[in-house]
Amino acid sequence: MKIVTGIIKPFKLEKVREALLAVDVSGITVTAVKGFGWQNDTTKLYRDAEYVFDFLPNVKIEVAVADNIVDQAIEALERAACTGKIGDGEIFVTAIEQIIRIRTGETGADAI
């Protein structure tokens, strides 16, 4: 079992959700986040004044998936989130030691 975490542009959220549901991902956690990468300290001109944007708004998506669909989930997330421009985001994959569904007590892959 793995946690697949994606940091994506907010306007790509709906497309990513649809792509993940299409590969049988059963639940998604979404968090609004801010951060920067290669595009840090971007200077923008607004009403004749320069502003430096340190942190840009993004969305963090987390999904727990069984080992047999990890590659499909990664591919779906990557395909749906990509614009081809700097700042598209990242995908992180982390191993899960244990999952327990609180309501039923189910564990492991049954709890996903």
PDB file of N, CA and C in Angstrom:
ATOM      1  N   MET A   1       0.845  -1.174   0.000  1.00  0.00           N
ATOM      2  CA  MET A   1       0.000   0.000   0.000  1.00  0.00           C
ATOM      3  C   MET A   1       0.885   1.230   0.000  1.00  0.00           C
ATOM      4  N   LYS A   2       0.414   2.260  -0.673  1.00  0.00           N
ATOM      5  CA  LYS A   2       1.185   3.490  -0.809  1.00  0.00           C
ATOM      6  C   LYS A   2       0.273   4.701  -0.643  1.00  0.00           C
ATOM      7  N   ILE A   3       0.895   5.809  -0.246  1.00  0.00           N
ATOM      8  CA  ILE A   3       0.239   7.115  -0.297  1.00  0.00           C
ATOM      9  C   ILE A   3       0.838   7.830  -1.497  1.00  0.00           C
ATOM     10  N   VAL A   4      -0.006   8.256  -2.416  1.00  0.00           N
ATOM     11  CA  VAL A   4       0.437   9.058  -3.549  1.00  0.00           C
ATOM     12  C   VAL A   4       0.004  10.486  -3.254  1.00  0.00           C
ATOM     13  N   THR A   5       0.986  11.378  -3.168  1.00  0.00           N
ATOM     14  CA  THR A   5       0.734  12.785  -2.856  1.00  0.00           C
ATOM     15  C   THR A   5       1.096  13.622  -4.065  1.00  0.00           C
ATOM     16  N   GLY A   6       0.188  14.473  -4.472  1.00  0.00           N
ATOM     17  CA  GLY A   6       0.446  15.379  -5.592  1.00  0.00           C
ATOM     18  C   GLY A   6       0.272  16.808  -5.168  1.00  0.00           C
ATOM     19  N   ILE A   7       1.224  17.649  -5.559  1.00  0.00           N
ATOM     20  CA  ILE A   7       1.096  19.097  -5.378  1.00  0.00           C
ATOM     21  C   ILE A   7       0.816  19.650  -6.763  1.00  0.00           C
ATOM     22  N   ILE A   8      -0.366  20.236  -6.952  1.00  0.00           N
ATOM     23  CA  ILE A   8      -0.789  20.642  -8.295  1.00  0.00           C
ATOM     24  C   ILE A   8      -1.353  22.063  -8.286  1.00  0.00           C
ATOM     25  N   LYS A   9      -1.583  22.592  -9.478  1.00  0.00           N
ATOM     26  CA  LYS A   9      -2.237  23.893  -9.619  1.00  0.00           C
ATOM     27  C   LYS A   9      -3.715  23.753  -9.255  1.00  0.00           C
ATOM     28  N   PRO A  10      -4.287  24.737  -8.575  1.00  0.00           N
ATOM     29  CA  PRO A  10      -5.688  24.633  -8.147  1.00  0.00           C
ATOM     30  C   PRO A  10      -6.677  24.414  -9.297  1.00  0.00           C
ATOM     31  N   PHE A  11      -6.436  25.014 -10.449  1.00  0.00           N
ATOM     32  CA  PHE A  11      -7.393  24.884 -11.550  1.00  0.00           C
ATOM     33  C   PHE A  11      -7.372  23.489 -12.181  1.00  0.00           C
ATOM     34  N   LYS A  12      -6.418  22.639 -11.807  1.00  0.00           N
ATOM     35  CA  LYS A  12      -6.338  21.276 -12.321  1.00  0.00           C
ATOM     36  C   LYS A  12      -7.024  20.258 -11.410  1.00  0.00           C
ATOM     37  N   LEU A  13      -7.536  20.695 -10.276  1.00  0.00           N
ATOM     38  CA  LEU A  13      -8.098  19.779  -9.280  1.00  0.00           C
ATOM     39  C   LEU A  13      -9.213  18.900  -9.834  1.00  0.00           C
ATOM     40  N   GLU A  14     -10.182  19.469 -10.505  1.00  0.00           N
ATOM     41  CA  GLU A  14     -11.315  18.687 -10.999  1.00  0.00           C
ATOM     42  C   GLU A  14     -10.864  17.652 -12.031  1.00  0.00           C
ATOM     43  N   LYS A  15      -9.976  18.033 -12.913  1.00  0.00           N
ATOM     44  CA  LYS A  15      -9.472  17.101 -13.927  1.00  0.00           C
ATOM     45  C   LYS A  15      -8.699  15.946 -13.275  1.00  0.00           C
ATOM     46  N   VAL A  16      -7.905  16.257 -12.252  1.00  0.00           N
ATOM     47  CA  VAL A  16      -7.152  15.224 -11.537  1.00  0.00           C
ATOM     48  C   VAL A  16      -8.105  14.298 -10.786  1.00  0.00           C
ATOM     49  N   ARG A  17      -9.119  14.857 -10.161  1.00  0.00           N
ATOM     50  CA  ARG A  17     -10.111  14.041  -9.436  1.00  0.00           C
ATOM     51  C   ARG A  17     -10.772  13.042 -10.383  1.00  0.00           C
ATOM     52  N   GLU A  18     -11.193  13.520 -11.544  1.00  0.00           N
ATOM     53  CA  GLU A  18     -11.832  12.641 -12.529  1.00  0.00           C
ATOM     54  C   GLU A  18     -10.875  11.551 -13.012  1.00  0.00           C
ATOM     55  N   ALA A  19      -9.608  11.905 -13.245  1.00  0.00           N
ATOM     56  CA  ALA A  19      -8.619  10.930 -13.711  1.00  0.00           C
ATOM     57  C   ALA A  19      -8.359   9.855 -12.658  1.00  0.00           C
ATOM     58  N   LEU A  20      -8.289  10.260 -11.387  1.00  0.00           N
ATOM     59  CA  LEU A  20      -8.058   9.284 -10.324  1.00  0.00           C
ATOM     60  C   LEU A  20      -9.264   8.371 -10.117  1.00  0.00           C
ATOM     61  N   LEU A  21     -10.462   8.923 -10.189  1.00  0.00           N
ATOM     62  CA  LEU A  21     -11.662   8.093 -10.064  1.00  0.00           C
ATOM     63  C   LEU A  21     -11.757   7.083 -11.205  1.00  0.00           C
ATOM     64  N   ALA A  22     -11.255   7.452 -12.384  1.00  0.00           N
ATOM     65  CA  ALA A  22     -11.287   6.556 -13.545  1.00  0.00           C
ATOM     66  C   ALA A  22     -10.385   5.338 -13.372  1.00  0.00           C
ATOM     67  N   VAL A  23      -9.382   5.424 -12.490  1.00  0.00           N
ATOM     68  CA  VAL A  23      -8.506   4.269 -12.241  1.00  0.00           C
ATOM     69  C   VAL A  23      -8.814   3.617 -10.895  1.00  0.00           C
ATOM     70  N   ASP A  24     -10.047   3.810 -10.429  1.00  0.00           N
ATOM     71  CA  ASP A  24     -10.565   3.150  -9.223  1.00  0.00           C
ATOM     72  C   ASP A  24      -9.913   3.596  -7.918  1.00  0.00           C
ATOM     73  N   VAL A  25      -9.478   4.845  -7.836  1.00  0.00           N
ATOM     74  CA  VAL A  25      -9.052   5.406  -6.557  1.00  0.00           C
ATOM     75  C   VAL A  25     -10.333   5.775  -5.818  1.00  0.00           C
ATOM     76  N   SER A  26     -10.487   5.235  -4.602  1.00  0.00           N
ATOM     77  CA  SER A  26     -11.776   5.348  -3.920  1.00  0.00           C
ATOM     78  C   SER A  26     -11.922   6.560  -3.012  1.00  0.00           C
ATOM     79  N   GLY A  27     -10.831   7.218  -2.641  1.00  0.00           N
ATOM     80  CA  GLY A  27     -10.946   8.375  -1.763  1.00  0.00           C
ATOM     81  C   GLY A  27      -9.793   9.328  -1.972  1.00  0.00           C
ATOM     82  N   ILE A  28     -10.078  10.606  -1.845  1.00  0.00           N
ATOM     83  CA  ILE A  28      -9.070  11.638  -2.086  1.00  0.00           C
ATOM     84  C   ILE A  28      -9.145  12.655  -0.954  1.00  0.00           C
ATOM     85  N   THR A  29      -7.997  13.034  -0.424  1.00  0.00           N
ATOM     86  CA  THR A  29      -7.926  14.119   0.556  1.00  0.00           C
ATOM     87  C   THR A  29      -7.285  15.313  -0.138  1.00  0.00           C
ATOM     88  N   VAL A  30      -7.909  16.484  -0.008  1.00  0.00           N
ATOM     89  CA  VAL A  30      -7.437  17.696  -0.675  1.00  0.00           C
ATOM     90  C   VAL A  30      -7.190  18.774   0.365  1.00  0.00           C
ATOM     91  N   THR A  31      -6.028  19.427   0.251  1.00  0.00           N
ATOM     92  CA  THR A  31      -5.662  20.512   1.159  1.00  0.00           C
ATOM     93  C   THR A  31      -5.148  21.692   0.347  1.00  0.00           C
ATOM     94  N   ALA A  32      -5.572  22.893   0.704  1.00  0.00           N
ATOM     95  CA  ALA A  32      -5.025  24.098   0.074  1.00  0.00           C
ATOM     96  C   ALA A  32      -3.672  24.392   0.724  1.00  0.00           C
ATOM     97  N   VAL A  33      -2.638  24.552  -0.098  1.00  0.00           N
ATOM     98  CA  VAL A  33      -1.288  24.802   0.402  1.00  0.00           C
ATOM     99  C   VAL A  33      -0.650  25.948  -0.372  1.00  0.00           C
ATOM    100  N   LYS A  34       0.454  26.456   0.149  1.00  0.00           N
ATOM    101  CA  LYS A  34       1.243  27.471  -0.543  1.00  0.00           C
ATOM    102  C   LYS A  34       2.689  27.010  -0.548  1.00  0.00           C
ATOM    103  N   GLY A  35       3.419  27.383  -1.590  1.00  0.00           N
ATOM    104  CA  GLY A  35       4.818  27.003  -1.651  1.00  0.00           C
ATOM    105  C   GLY A  35       5.502  27.626  -2.848  1.00  0.00           C
ATOM    106  N   PHE A  36       6.776  27.281  -3.003  1.00  0.00           N
ATOM    107  CA  PHE A  36       7.507  27.742  -4.178  1.00  0.00           C
ATOM    108  C   PHE A  36       8.577  26.735  -4.526  1.00  0.00           C
ATOM    109  N   GLY A  37       9.012  26.794  -5.758  1.00  0.00           N
ATOM    110  CA  GLY A  37      10.067  25.916  -6.259  1.00  0.00           C
ATOM    111  C   GLY A  37      10.974  26.731  -7.151  1.00  0.00           C
ATOM    112  N   TRP A  38      11.113  26.280  -8.378  1.00  0.00           N
ATOM    113  CA  TRP A  38      11.987  26.968  -9.332  1.00  0.00           C
ATOM    114  C   TRP A  38      11.547  28.407  -9.591  1.00  0.00           C
ATOM    115  N   GLN A  39      10.269  28.684  -9.468  1.00  0.00           N
ATOM    116  CA  GLN A  39       9.761  30.014  -9.796  1.00  0.00           C
ATOM    117  C   GLN A  39       9.747  30.953  -8.591  1.00  0.00           C
ATOM    118  N   ASN A  40      10.532  30.655  -7.534  1.00  0.00           N
ATOM    119  CA  ASN A  40      10.496  31.508  -6.347  1.00  0.00           C
ATOM    120  C   ASN A  40      10.937  32.933  -6.663  1.00  0.00           C
ATOM    121  N   ASP A  41      10.495  33.846  -5.835  1.00  0.00           N
ATOM    122  CA  ASP A  41      10.772  35.273  -5.991  1.00  0.00           C
ATOM    123  C   ASP A  41      10.367  35.812  -7.357  1.00  0.00           C
ATOM    124  N   THR A  42       9.216  35.363  -7.846  1.00  0.00           N
ATOM    125  CA  THR A  42       8.689  35.873  -9.096  1.00  0.00           C
ATOM    126  C   THR A  42       8.239  37.306  -8.889  1.00  0.00           C
ATOM    127  N   THR A  43       8.679  38.205  -9.753  1.00  0.00           N
ATOM    128  CA  THR A  43       8.285  39.612  -9.668  1.00  0.00           C
ATOM    129  C   THR A  43       7.212  39.883 -10.712  1.00  0.00           C
ATOM    130  N   LYS A  44       6.112  40.495 -10.288  1.00  0.00           N
ATOM    131  CA  LYS A  44       5.011  40.822 -11.185  1.00  0.00           C
ATOM    132  C   LYS A  44       4.731  42.315 -11.094  1.00  0.00           C
ATOM    133  N   LEU A  45       4.300  42.870 -12.192  1.00  0.00           N
ATOM    134  CA  LEU A  45       3.921  44.278 -12.243  1.00  0.00           C
ATOM    135  C   LEU A  45       2.408  44.367 -12.136  1.00  0.00           C
ATOM    136  N   TYR A  46       1.910  45.129 -11.162  1.00  0.00           N
ATOM    137  CA  TYR A  46       0.481  45.294 -10.974  1.00  0.00           C
ATOM    138  C   TYR A  46       0.212  46.754 -10.675  1.00  0.00           C
ATOM    139  N   ARG A  47      -0.551  47.410 -11.539  1.00  0.00           N
ATOM    140  CA  ARG A  47      -0.885  48.835 -11.399  1.00  0.00           C
ATOM    141  C   ARG A  47       0.368  49.676 -11.183  1.00  0.00           C
ATOM    142  N   ASP A  48       1.322  49.482 -12.054  1.00  0.00           N
ATOM    143  CA  ASP A  48       2.581  50.231 -12.063  1.00  0.00           C
ATOM    144  C   ASP A  48       3.435  50.044 -10.817  1.00  0.00           C
ATOM    145  N   ALA A  49       3.202  49.005 -10.065  1.00  0.00           N
ATOM    146  CA  ALA A  49       4.027  48.703  -8.899  1.00  0.00           C
ATOM    147  C   ALA A  49       4.515  47.257  -9.009  1.00  0.00           C
ATOM    148  N   GLU A  50       5.766  47.024  -8.586  1.00  0.00           N
ATOM    149  CA  GLU A  50       6.323  45.679  -8.619  1.00  0.00           C
ATOM    150  C   GLU A  50       6.042  44.967  -7.306  1.00  0.00           C
ATOM    151  N   TYR A  51       5.610  43.715  -7.407  1.00  0.00           N
ATOM    152  CA  TYR A  51       5.353  42.883  -6.245  1.00  0.00           C
ATOM    153  C   TYR A  51       6.146  41.590  -6.381  1.00  0.00           C
ATOM    154  N   VAL A  52       6.691  41.102  -5.276  1.00  0.00           N
ATOM    155  CA  VAL A  52       7.394  39.826  -5.263  1.00  0.00           C
ATOM    156  C   VAL A  52       6.469  38.796  -4.622  1.00  0.00           C
ATOM    157  N   PHE A  53       6.242  37.698  -5.352  1.00  0.00           N
ATOM    158  CA  PHE A  53       5.389  36.626  -4.858  1.00  0.00           C
ATOM    159  C   PHE A  53       6.269  35.506  -4.343  1.00  0.00           C
ATOM    160  N   ASP A  54       6.332  35.344  -3.020  1.00  0.00           N
ATOM    161  CA  ASP A  54       7.177  34.315  -2.422  1.00  0.00           C
ATOM    162  C   ASP A  54       6.510  32.934  -2.427  1.00  0.00           C
ATOM    163  N   PHE A  55       5.257  32.883  -2.046  1.00  0.00           N
ATOM    164  CA  PHE A  55       4.548  31.616  -1.957  1.00  0.00           C
ATOM    165  C   PHE A  55       3.367  31.641  -2.919  1.00  0.00           C
ATOM    166  N   LEU A  56       3.268  30.601  -3.729  1.00  0.00           N
ATOM    167  CA  LEU A  56       2.185  30.503  -4.699  1.00  0.00           C
ATOM    168  C   LEU A  56       1.148  29.494  -4.216  1.00  0.00           C
ATOM    169  N   PRO A  57      -0.149  29.757  -4.482  1.00  0.00           N
ATOM    170  CA  PRO A  57      -1.189  28.826  -4.040  1.00  0.00           C
ATOM    171  C   PRO A  57      -1.164  27.537  -4.850  1.00  0.00           C
ATOM    172  N   ASN A  58      -1.301  26.415  -4.181  1.00  0.00           N
ATOM    173  CA  ASN A  58      -1.371  25.102  -4.802  1.00  0.00           C
ATOM    174  C   ASN A  58      -2.390  24.261  -4.068  1.00  0.00           C
ATOM    175  N   VAL A  59      -2.600  23.070  -4.559  1.00  0.00           N
ATOM    176  CA  VAL A  59      -3.484  22.102  -3.923  1.00  0.00           C
ATOM    177  C   VAL A  59      -2.684  20.829  -3.685  1.00  0.00           C
ATOM    178  N   LYS A  60      -2.826  20.260  -2.498  1.00  0.00           N
ATOM    179  CA  LYS A  60      -2.167  18.999  -2.170  1.00  0.00           C
ATOM    180  C   LYS A  60      -3.229  17.903  -2.166  1.00  0.00           C
ATOM    181  N   ILE A  61      -2.997  16.871  -2.975  1.00  0.00           N
ATOM    182  CA  ILE A  61      -3.907  15.740  -3.069  1.00  0.00           C
ATOM    183  C   ILE A  61      -3.209  14.525  -2.491  1.00  0.00           C
ATOM    184  N   GLU A  62      -3.901  13.790  -1.633  1.00  0.00           N
ATOM    185  CA  GLU A  62      -3.346  12.565  -1.064  1.00  0.00           C
ATOM    186  C   GLU A  62      -4.333  11.431  -1.294  1.00  0.00           C
ATOM    187  N   VAL A  63      -3.823  10.309  -1.807  1.00  0.00           N
ATOM    188  CA  VAL A  63      -4.653   9.136  -2.014  1.00  0.00           C
ATOM    189  C   VAL A  63      -3.912   7.907  -1.515  1.00  0.00           C
ATOM    190  N   ALA A  64      -4.625   7.056  -0.818  1.00  0.00           N
ATOM    191  CA  ALA A  64      -4.070   5.765  -0.398  1.00  0.00           C
ATOM    192  C   ALA A  64      -4.495   4.745  -1.441  1.00  0.00           C
ATOM    193  N   VAL A  65      -3.512   4.003  -1.978  1.00  0.00           N
ATOM    194  CA  VAL A  65      -3.819   3.041  -3.037  1.00  0.00           C
ATOM    195  C   VAL A  65      -3.141   1.704  -2.755  1.00  0.00           C
ATOM    196  N   ALA A  66      -3.761   0.645  -3.263  1.00  0.00           N
ATOM    197  CA  ALA A  66      -3.162  -0.687  -3.181  1.00  0.00           C
ATOM    198  C   ALA A  66      -1.964  -0.742  -4.127  1.00  0.00           C
ATOM    199  N   ASP A  67      -1.026  -1.609  -3.833  1.00  0.00           N
ATOM    200  CA  ASP A  67       0.196  -1.703  -4.634  1.00  0.00           C
ATOM    201  C   ASP A  67      -0.070  -1.980  -6.108  1.00  0.00           C
ATOM    202  N   ASN A  68      -1.142  -2.698  -6.428  1.00  0.00           N
ATOM    203  CA  ASN A  68      -1.396  -3.060  -7.820  1.00  0.00           C
ATOM    204  C   ASN A  68      -1.908  -1.906  -8.687  1.00  0.00           C
ATOM    205  N   ILE A  69      -2.304  -0.773  -8.090  1.00  0.00           N
ATOM    206  CA  ILE A  69      -2.747   0.362  -8.914  1.00  0.00           C
ATOM    207  C   ILE A  69      -1.906   1.625  -8.700  1.00  0.00           C
ATOM    208  N   VAL A  70      -0.778   1.504  -8.017  1.00  0.00           N
ATOM    209  CA  VAL A  70       0.074   2.670  -7.766  1.00  0.00           C
ATOM    210  C   VAL A  70       0.503   3.318  -9.072  1.00  0.00           C
ATOM    211  N   ASP A  71       1.016   2.533 -10.004  1.00  0.00           N
ATOM    212  CA  ASP A  71       1.498   3.098 -11.270  1.00  0.00           C
ATOM    213  C   ASP A  71       0.375   3.759 -12.058  1.00  0.00           C
ATOM    214  N   GLN A  72      -0.810   3.168 -12.049  1.00  0.00           N
ATOM    215  CA  GLN A  72      -1.958   3.764 -12.745  1.00  0.00           C
ATOM    216  C   GLN A  72      -2.353   5.095 -12.111  1.00  0.00           C
ATOM    217  N   ALA A  73      -2.336   5.163 -10.777  1.00  0.00           N
ATOM    218  CA  ALA A  73      -2.691   6.399 -10.076  1.00  0.00           C
ATOM    219  C   ALA A  73      -1.676   7.497 -10.375  1.00  0.00           C
ATOM    220  N   ILE A  74      -0.388   7.150 -10.374  1.00  0.00           N
ATOM    221  CA  ILE A  74       0.655   8.137 -10.666  1.00  0.00           C
ATOM    222  C   ILE A  74       0.503   8.657 -12.083  1.00  0.00           C
ATOM    223  N   GLU A  75       0.306   7.751 -13.019  1.00  0.00           N
ATOM    224  CA  GLU A  75       0.161   8.147 -14.421  1.00  0.00           C
ATOM    225  C   GLU A  75      -1.058   9.042 -14.633  1.00  0.00           C
ATOM    226  N   ALA A  76      -2.174   8.697 -13.997  1.00  0.00           N
ATOM    227  CA  ALA A  76      -3.397   9.494 -14.119  1.00  0.00           C
ATOM    228  C   ALA A  76      -3.200  10.888 -13.543  1.00  0.00           C
ATOM    229  N   LEU A  77      -2.579  10.967 -12.372  1.00  0.00           N
ATOM    230  CA  LEU A  77      -2.334  12.263 -11.736  1.00  0.00           C
ATOM    231  C   LEU A  77      -1.404  13.112 -12.600  1.00  0.00           C
ATOM    232  N   GLU A  78      -0.328  12.514 -13.067  1.00  0.00           N
ATOM    233  CA  GLU A  78       0.645  13.245 -13.881  1.00  0.00           C
ATOM    234  C   GLU A  78       0.021  13.754 -15.182  1.00  0.00           C
ATOM    235  N   ARG A  79      -0.721  12.904 -15.865  1.00  0.00           N
ATOM    236  CA  ARG A  79      -1.347  13.271 -17.138  1.00  0.00           C
ATOM    237  C   ARG A  79      -2.370  14.403 -16.948  1.00  0.00           C
ATOM    238  N   ALA A  80      -3.178  14.308 -15.900  1.00  0.00           N
ATOM    239  CA  ALA A  80      -4.243  15.289 -15.679  1.00  0.00           C
ATOM    240  C   ALA A  80      -3.719  16.625 -15.160  1.00  0.00           C
ATOM    241  N   ALA A  81      -2.603  16.623 -14.428  1.00  0.00           N
ATOM    242  CA  ALA A  81      -2.099  17.858 -13.815  1.00  0.00           C
ATOM    243  C   ALA A  81      -1.131  18.621 -14.710  1.00  0.00           C
ATOM    244  N   CYS A  82      -0.635  17.998 -15.758  1.00  0.00           N
ATOM    245  CA  CYS A  82       0.426  18.597 -16.566  1.00  0.00           C
ATOM    246  C   CYS A  82      -0.084  19.728 -17.471  1.00  0.00           C
ATOM    247  N   THR A  83       0.607  20.866 -17.409  1.00  0.00           N
ATOM    248  CA  THR A  83       0.370  21.959 -18.361  1.00  0.00           C
ATOM    249  C   THR A  83       1.586  22.151 -19.255  1.00  0.00           C
ATOM    250  N   GLY A  84       2.716  21.560 -18.851  1.00  0.00           N
ATOM    251  CA  GLY A  84       3.949  21.719 -19.611  1.00  0.00           C
ATOM    252  C   GLY A  84       4.726  22.964 -19.238  1.00  0.00           C
ATOM    253  N   LYS A  85       4.306  23.638 -18.170  1.00  0.00           N
ATOM    254  CA  LYS A  85       4.964  24.877 -17.745  1.00  0.00           C
ATOM    255  C   LYS A  85       5.577  24.703 -16.361  1.00  0.00           C
ATOM    256  N   ILE A  86       6.520  25.567 -16.037  1.00  0.00           N
ATOM    257  CA  ILE A  86       7.131  25.553 -14.711  1.00  0.00           C
ATOM    258  C   ILE A  86       6.042  25.737 -13.664  1.00  0.00           C
ATOM    259  N   GLY A  87       6.133  24.963 -12.589  1.00  0.00           N
ATOM    260  CA  GLY A  87       5.161  25.081 -11.510  1.00  0.00           C
ATOM    261  C   GLY A  87       4.032  24.075 -11.582  1.00  0.00           C
ATOM    262  N   ASP A  88       4.126  23.090 -12.498  1.00  0.00           N
ATOM    263  CA  ASP A  88       3.078  22.068 -12.586  1.00  0.00           C
ATOM    264  C   ASP A  88       2.951  21.269 -11.297  1.00  0.00           C
ATOM    265  N   GLY A  89       4.036  21.121 -10.547  1.00  0.00           N
ATOM    266  CA  GLY A  89       3.967  20.446  -9.258  1.00  0.00           C
ATOM    267  C   GLY A  89       4.835  19.213  -9.188  1.00  0.00           C
ATOM    268  N   GLU A  90       4.594  18.408  -8.179  1.00  0.00           N
ATOM    269  CA  GLU A  90       5.358  17.192  -7.916  1.00  0.00           C
ATOM    270  C   GLU A  90       4.416  16.085  -7.490  1.00  0.00           C
ATOM    271  N   ILE A  91       4.942  14.856  -7.581  1.00  0.00           N
ATOM    272  CA  ILE A  91       4.245  13.678  -7.075  1.00  0.00           C
ATOM    273  C   ILE A  91       5.207  12.943  -6.156  1.00  0.00           C
ATOM    274  N   PHE A  92       4.739  12.602  -4.967  1.00  0.00           N
ATOM    275  CA  PHE A  92       5.539  11.852  -3.997  1.00  0.00           C
ATOM    276  C   PHE A  92       4.829  10.533  -3.714  1.00  0.00           C
ATOM    277  N   VAL A  93       5.587   9.467  -3.591  1.00  0.00           N
ATOM    278  CA  VAL A  93       5.016   8.159  -3.272  1.00  0.00           C
ATOM    279  C   VAL A  93       5.686   7.662  -1.993  1.00  0.00           C
ATOM    280  N   THR A  94       4.865   7.318  -1.017  1.00  0.00           N
ATOM    281  CA  THR A  94       5.349   6.898   0.296  1.00  0.00           C
ATOM    282  C   THR A  94       4.710   5.571   0.679  1.00  0.00           C
ATOM    283  N   ALA A  95       5.493   4.683   1.253  1.00  0.00           N
ATOM    284  CA  ALA A  95       4.960   3.398   1.721  1.00  0.00           C
ATOM    285  C   ALA A  95       4.095   3.606   2.965  1.00  0.00           C
ATOM    286  N   ILE A  96       3.056   2.802   3.069  1.00  0.00           N
ATOM    287  CA  ILE A  96       2.173   2.818   4.240  1.00  0.00           C
ATOM    288  C   ILE A  96       2.438   1.547   5.044  1.00  0.00           C
ATOM    289  N   GLU A  97       2.680   1.712   6.315  1.00  0.00           N
ATOM    290  CA  GLU A  97       2.895   0.543   7.168  1.00  0.00           C
ATOM    291  C   GLU A  97       1.578  -0.126   7.547  1.00  0.00           C
ATOM    292  N   GLN A  98       0.578   0.684   7.858  1.00  0.00           N
ATOM    293  CA  GLN A  98      -0.686   0.113   8.307  1.00  0.00           C
ATOM    294  C   GLN A  98      -1.808   1.108   8.085  1.00  0.00           C
ATOM    295  N   ILE A  99      -2.987   0.585   7.755  1.00  0.00           N
ATOM    296  CA  ILE A  99      -4.207   1.390   7.646  1.00  0.00           C
ATOM    297  C   ILE A  99      -5.268   0.724   8.508  1.00  0.00           C
ATOM    298  N   ILE A 100      -5.997   1.519   9.261  1.00  0.00           N
ATOM    299  CA  ILE A 100      -7.104   1.002  10.073  1.00  0.00           C
ATOM    300  C   ILE A 100      -8.313   1.887   9.823  1.00  0.00           C
ATOM    301  N   ARG A 101      -9.406   1.294   9.395  1.00  0.00           N
ATOM    302  CA  ARG A 101     -10.649   2.050   9.229  1.00  0.00           C
ATOM    303  C   ARG A 101     -11.306   2.148  10.599  1.00  0.00           C
ATOM    304  N   ILE A 102     -11.478   3.342  11.079  1.00  0.00           N
ATOM    305  CA  ILE A 102     -11.973   3.563  12.439  1.00  0.00           C
ATOM    306  C   ILE A 102     -13.361   2.966  12.653  1.00  0.00           C
ATOM    307  N   ARG A 103     -14.279   3.179  11.730  1.00  0.00           N
ATOM    308  CA  ARG A 103     -15.662   2.736  11.911  1.00  0.00           C
ATOM    309  C   ARG A 103     -15.783   1.225  12.029  1.00  0.00           C
ATOM    310  N   THR A 104     -15.073   0.470  11.154  1.00  0.00           N
ATOM    311  CA  THR A 104     -15.265  -0.975  11.096  1.00  0.00           C
ATOM    312  C   THR A 104     -14.140  -1.793  11.703  1.00  0.00           C
ATOM    313  N   GLY A 105     -12.973  -1.164  11.896  1.00  0.00           N
ATOM    314  CA  GLY A 105     -11.826  -1.887  12.388  1.00  0.00           C
ATOM    315  C   GLY A 105     -11.064  -2.644  11.313  1.00  0.00           C
ATOM    316  N   GLU A 106     -11.498  -2.513  10.051  1.00  0.00           N
ATOM    317  CA  GLU A 106     -10.791  -3.177   8.951  1.00  0.00           C
ATOM    318  C   GLU A 106      -9.367  -2.662   8.886  1.00  0.00           C
ATOM    319  N   THR A 107      -8.458  -3.536   8.435  1.00  0.00           N
ATOM    320  CA  THR A 107      -7.058  -3.144   8.344  1.00  0.00           C
ATOM    321  C   THR A 107      -6.505  -3.480   6.965  1.00  0.00           C
ATOM    322  N   GLY A 108      -5.341  -2.922   6.662  1.00  0.00           N
ATOM    323  CA  GLY A 108      -4.659  -3.206   5.411  1.00  0.00           C
ATOM    324  C   GLY A 108      -5.426  -2.713   4.204  1.00  0.00           C
ATOM    325  N   ALA A 109      -5.316  -3.444   3.091  1.00  0.00           N
ATOM    326  CA  ALA A 109      -5.950  -3.056   1.835  1.00  0.00           C
ATOM    327  C   ALA A 109      -7.471  -3.000   1.962  1.00  0.00           C
ATOM    328  N   ASP A 110      -8.051  -3.777   2.865  1.00  0.00           N
ATOM    329  CA  ASP A 110      -9.513  -3.748   3.070  1.00  0.00           C
ATOM    330  C   ASP A 110      -9.976  -2.389   3.596  1.00  0.00           C
ATOM    331  N   ALA A 111      -9.087  -1.656   4.237  1.00  0.00           N
ATOM    332  CA  ALA A 111      -9.449  -0.366   4.843  1.00  0.00           C
ATOM    333  C   ALA A 111      -9.350   0.802   3.856  1.00  0.00           C
ATOM    334  N   ILE A 112      -8.793   0.560   2.680  1.00  0.00           N
ATOM    335  CA  ILE A 112      -8.646   1.664   1.702  1.00  0.00           C
ATOM    336  C   ILE A 112      -9.992   2.031   1.142  1.00  0.00           C
TER     337      ILE A 112
END
